[in-house]
Amino acid sequence: DKVAISILEKPYGKVLVGSLALILSLTVPCCGFLGAKSNNRSCICCFACCNCCGGCLHILQAILIILIMVGLGGVETYCRQPGSCEGIMNACKYHKSDLYALDTYEGCLDYLVSMFPSAYAGLGIALGLTCLAICFQCASARWGKELYDVLAYEDLCLGSDSDGV
């Protein structure tokens, strides 16, 4: 376990993880392309199912982003009561600020709350991109399913391997 963590901390470990993520993310579109090109129902089924699962997972991600945004709003209100957020001082331990007294509870809270607009902006962008991914994946799943159903009855693609051309 410690070996895996130490590998990931090195620069080549990050390149390895990024390369693996790229290969895995390109597998589904390649599966759809090869399935459509060669009239392979199994590849089309894999493409449609993976996109459907990805769409469902992105819906969960969108829900979590919305819950985080709502939770951030509650943090300021809840933590204004002294002693209600014991761990808040740990959040400011490694930060420096000329505008806020980070060694006090109120200064630390004000500093963290001042970062909320940036957090909301980042979460808003993430939510927008997630919604876009949901649309693309659900559309891909639907059209993949339609192609899967059509391939059950006929050989669609001209010049494919199953045409004998």
Protein backbone atom coordinates (compact mmCIF):
# COMPACT_ATOMS: atom_id res chain seq x y z
CA ASP A 1 0.00 0.00 0.00
CA LYS A 2 2.83 2.40 0.89
CA VAL A 3 4.66 1.44 -2.31
CA ALA A 4 1.67 2.40 -4.46
CA ILE A 5 1.35 5.75 -2.69
CA SER A 6 5.06 6.51 -3.07
CA ILE A 7 4.90 5.72 -6.80
CA LEU A 8 1.94 8.06 -7.25
CA GLU A 9 3.81 10.89 -5.53
CA LYS A 10 6.63 10.79 -8.08
CA PRO A 11 6.31 12.61 -11.43
CA TYR A 12 6.34 9.39 -13.47
CA GLY A 13 3.56 8.01 -11.28
CA LYS A 14 1.35 10.97 -12.18
CA VAL A 15 2.13 10.46 -15.88
CA LEU A 16 1.31 6.77 -15.50
CA VAL A 17 -2.04 7.51 -13.86
CA GLY A 18 -2.86 10.16 -16.47
CA SER A 19 -1.94 7.80 -19.32
CA LEU A 20 -4.03 5.00 -17.86
CA ALA A 21 -7.00 7.35 -17.41
CA LEU A 22 -6.66 8.51 -21.03
CA ILE A 23 -6.53 4.95 -22.35
CA LEU A 24 -9.58 3.91 -20.32
CA SER A 25 -11.55 7.00 -21.34
CA LEU A 26 -10.85 6.37 -25.03
CA THR A 27 -11.88 2.71 -24.81
CA VAL A 28 -15.62 3.41 -24.86
CA PRO A 29 -15.63 5.67 -27.97
CA CYS A 30 -13.31 3.22 -29.75
CA CYS A 31 -15.68 0.41 -28.87
CA GLY A 32 -18.58 2.37 -30.38
CA PHE A 33 -16.62 3.23 -33.51
CA LEU A 34 -15.41 -0.32 -34.10
CA GLY A 35 -18.87 -1.73 -33.37
CA ALA A 36 -20.51 0.62 -35.88
CA LYS A 37 -17.80 0.06 -38.48
CA SER A 38 -17.91 -3.73 -38.32
CA ASN A 39 -21.60 -4.22 -37.40
CA ASN A 40 -20.56 -5.78 -34.09
CA ARG A 41 -23.53 -5.80 -31.74
CA SER A 42 -21.39 -6.69 -28.71
CA CYS A 43 -19.23 -3.58 -29.11
CA ILE A 44 -22.30 -1.41 -29.65
CA CYS A 45 -23.93 -2.92 -26.56
CA CYS A 46 -20.79 -2.20 -24.52
CA PHE A 47 -20.71 1.38 -25.87
CA ALA A 48 -24.37 2.02 -25.04
CA CYS A 49 -24.22 0.44 -21.58
CA CYS A 50 -21.01 2.25 -20.59
CA ASN A 51 -22.47 5.57 -21.69
CA CYS A 52 -25.69 4.88 -19.80
CA CYS A 53 -23.73 4.04 -16.64
CA GLY A 54 -21.54 7.12 -17.15
CA GLY A 55 -24.63 9.29 -17.52
CA CYS A 56 -26.09 7.91 -14.29
CA LEU A 57 -22.82 8.48 -12.44
CA HIS A 58 -22.65 12.04 -13.75
CA ILE A 59 -26.19 12.63 -12.47
CA LEU A 60 -24.99 11.55 -9.02
CA GLN A 61 -22.00 13.87 -9.41
CA ALA A 62 -24.30 16.78 -10.25
CA ILE A 63 -26.40 16.04 -7.16
CA LEU A 64 -23.26 15.98 -5.00
CA ILE A 65 -22.05 19.30 -6.42
CA ILE A 66 -25.42 20.87 -5.63
CA LEU A 67 -25.30 19.44 -2.08
CA ILE A 68 -21.79 20.86 -1.61
CA MET A 69 -22.99 24.28 -2.77
CA VAL A 70 -25.92 24.15 -0.35
CA GLY A 71 -23.59 22.92 2.42
CA LEU A 72 -21.19 25.81 1.90
CA GLY A 73 -24.05 28.23 2.51
CA GLY A 74 -24.86 26.50 5.78
CA VAL A 75 -21.26 26.52 6.99
CA GLU A 76 -21.15 30.26 7.50
CA THR A 77 -24.45 30.33 9.36
CA TYR A 78 -23.69 27.30 11.52
CA CYS A 79 -20.08 28.20 12.30
CA ARG A 80 -20.84 31.80 13.39
CA GLN A 81 -21.83 30.37 16.76
CA PRO A 82 -18.60 30.17 18.80
CA GLY A 83 -17.39 26.64 19.42
CA SER A 84 -19.70 25.04 16.87
CA CYS A 85 -16.95 24.24 14.36
CA GLU A 86 -14.01 23.03 16.42
CA GLY A 87 -11.84 22.01 13.46
CA ILE A 88 -12.05 25.34 11.65
CA MET A 89 -8.74 26.51 13.08
CA ASN A 90 -7.01 23.54 11.44
CA ALA A 91 -8.14 24.85 8.05
CA CYS A 92 -6.25 28.11 8.57
CA LYS A 93 -3.13 26.56 10.08
CA TYR A 94 -1.09 26.66 6.86
CA HIS A 95 -2.53 29.85 5.33
CA LYS A 96 -1.24 33.41 5.56
CA SER A 97 -3.27 36.58 5.19
CA ASP A 98 -2.63 40.28 5.73
CA LEU A 99 -6.37 41.03 5.84
CA TYR A 100 -7.50 38.48 8.44
CA ALA A 101 -6.23 37.46 11.86
CA LEU A 102 -5.95 33.74 11.21
CA ASP A 103 -4.98 32.96 14.79
CA THR A 104 -8.51 33.83 15.98
CA TYR A 105 -11.67 31.84 15.38
CA GLU A 106 -13.55 34.79 13.84
CA GLY A 107 -10.62 35.81 11.62
CA CYS A 108 -10.18 32.27 10.36
CA LEU A 109 -13.90 31.92 9.64
CA ASP A 110 -14.01 35.28 7.84
CA TYR A 111 -10.98 34.24 5.77
CA LEU A 112 -12.60 30.96 4.76
CA VAL A 113 -15.93 32.64 3.98
CA SER A 114 -14.08 35.14 1.77
CA MET A 115 -13.04 32.18 -0.39
CA PHE A 116 -16.62 31.01 -0.92
CA PRO A 117 -17.29 33.06 -4.09
CA SER A 118 -14.33 31.38 -5.80
CA ALA A 119 -15.53 27.99 -4.57
CA TYR A 120 -19.05 28.70 -5.88
CA ALA A 121 -17.61 29.75 -9.25
CA GLY A 122 -15.54 26.59 -9.51
CA LEU A 123 -18.45 24.41 -8.46
CA GLY A 124 -20.72 26.21 -10.94
CA ILE A 125 -18.31 25.52 -13.79
CA ALA A 126 -18.01 21.89 -12.67
CA LEU A 127 -21.81 21.61 -12.53
CA GLY A 128 -22.16 23.07 -16.04
CA LEU A 129 -19.58 20.67 -17.47
CA THR A 130 -21.21 17.77 -15.65
CA CYS A 131 -24.60 18.64 -17.15
CA LEU A 132 -22.99 18.78 -20.59
CA ALA A 133 -21.44 15.34 -20.01
CA ILE A 134 -24.83 14.00 -18.90
CA CYS A 135 -26.40 15.19 -22.16
CA PHE A 136 -23.67 13.69 -24.33
CA GLN A 137 -23.58 10.37 -22.52
CA CYS A 138 -27.34 9.93 -22.44
CA ALA A 139 -27.59 10.81 -26.15
CA SER A 140 -24.78 8.37 -26.93
CA ALA A 141 -26.48 5.65 -24.91
CA ARG A 142 -29.79 6.23 -26.71
CA TRP A 143 -28.30 6.25 -30.20
CA GLY A 144 -26.09 3.27 -29.36
CA LYS A 145 -29.17 1.35 -28.23
CA GLU A 146 -30.99 2.29 -31.45
CA LEU A 147 -28.05 1.04 -33.52
CA TYR A 148 -27.90 -2.13 -31.43
CA ASP A 149 -31.58 -2.80 -32.12
CA VAL A 150 -31.22 -2.13 -35.86
CA LEU A 151 -28.20 -4.41 -36.13
CA ALA A 152 -30.33 -7.28 -34.85
CA TYR A 153 -32.28 -7.25 -38.11
CA GLU A 154 -29.91 -6.08 -40.81
CA ASP A 155 -26.33 -5.49 -41.81
CA LEU A 156 -26.16 -1.69 -41.81
CA CYS A 157 -22.68 -0.58 -42.75
CA LEU A 158 -21.62 -0.83 -46.35
CA GLY A 159 -18.16 -2.16 -46.83
CA SER A 160 -18.03 -3.77 -43.41
CA ASP A 161 -16.32 -7.09 -42.77
CA SER A 162 -19.61 -8.99 -42.66
CA ASP A 163 -20.63 -7.76 -46.15
CA GLY A 164 -18.06 -9.98 -47.81
CA VAL A 165 -16.65 -6.96 -49.70
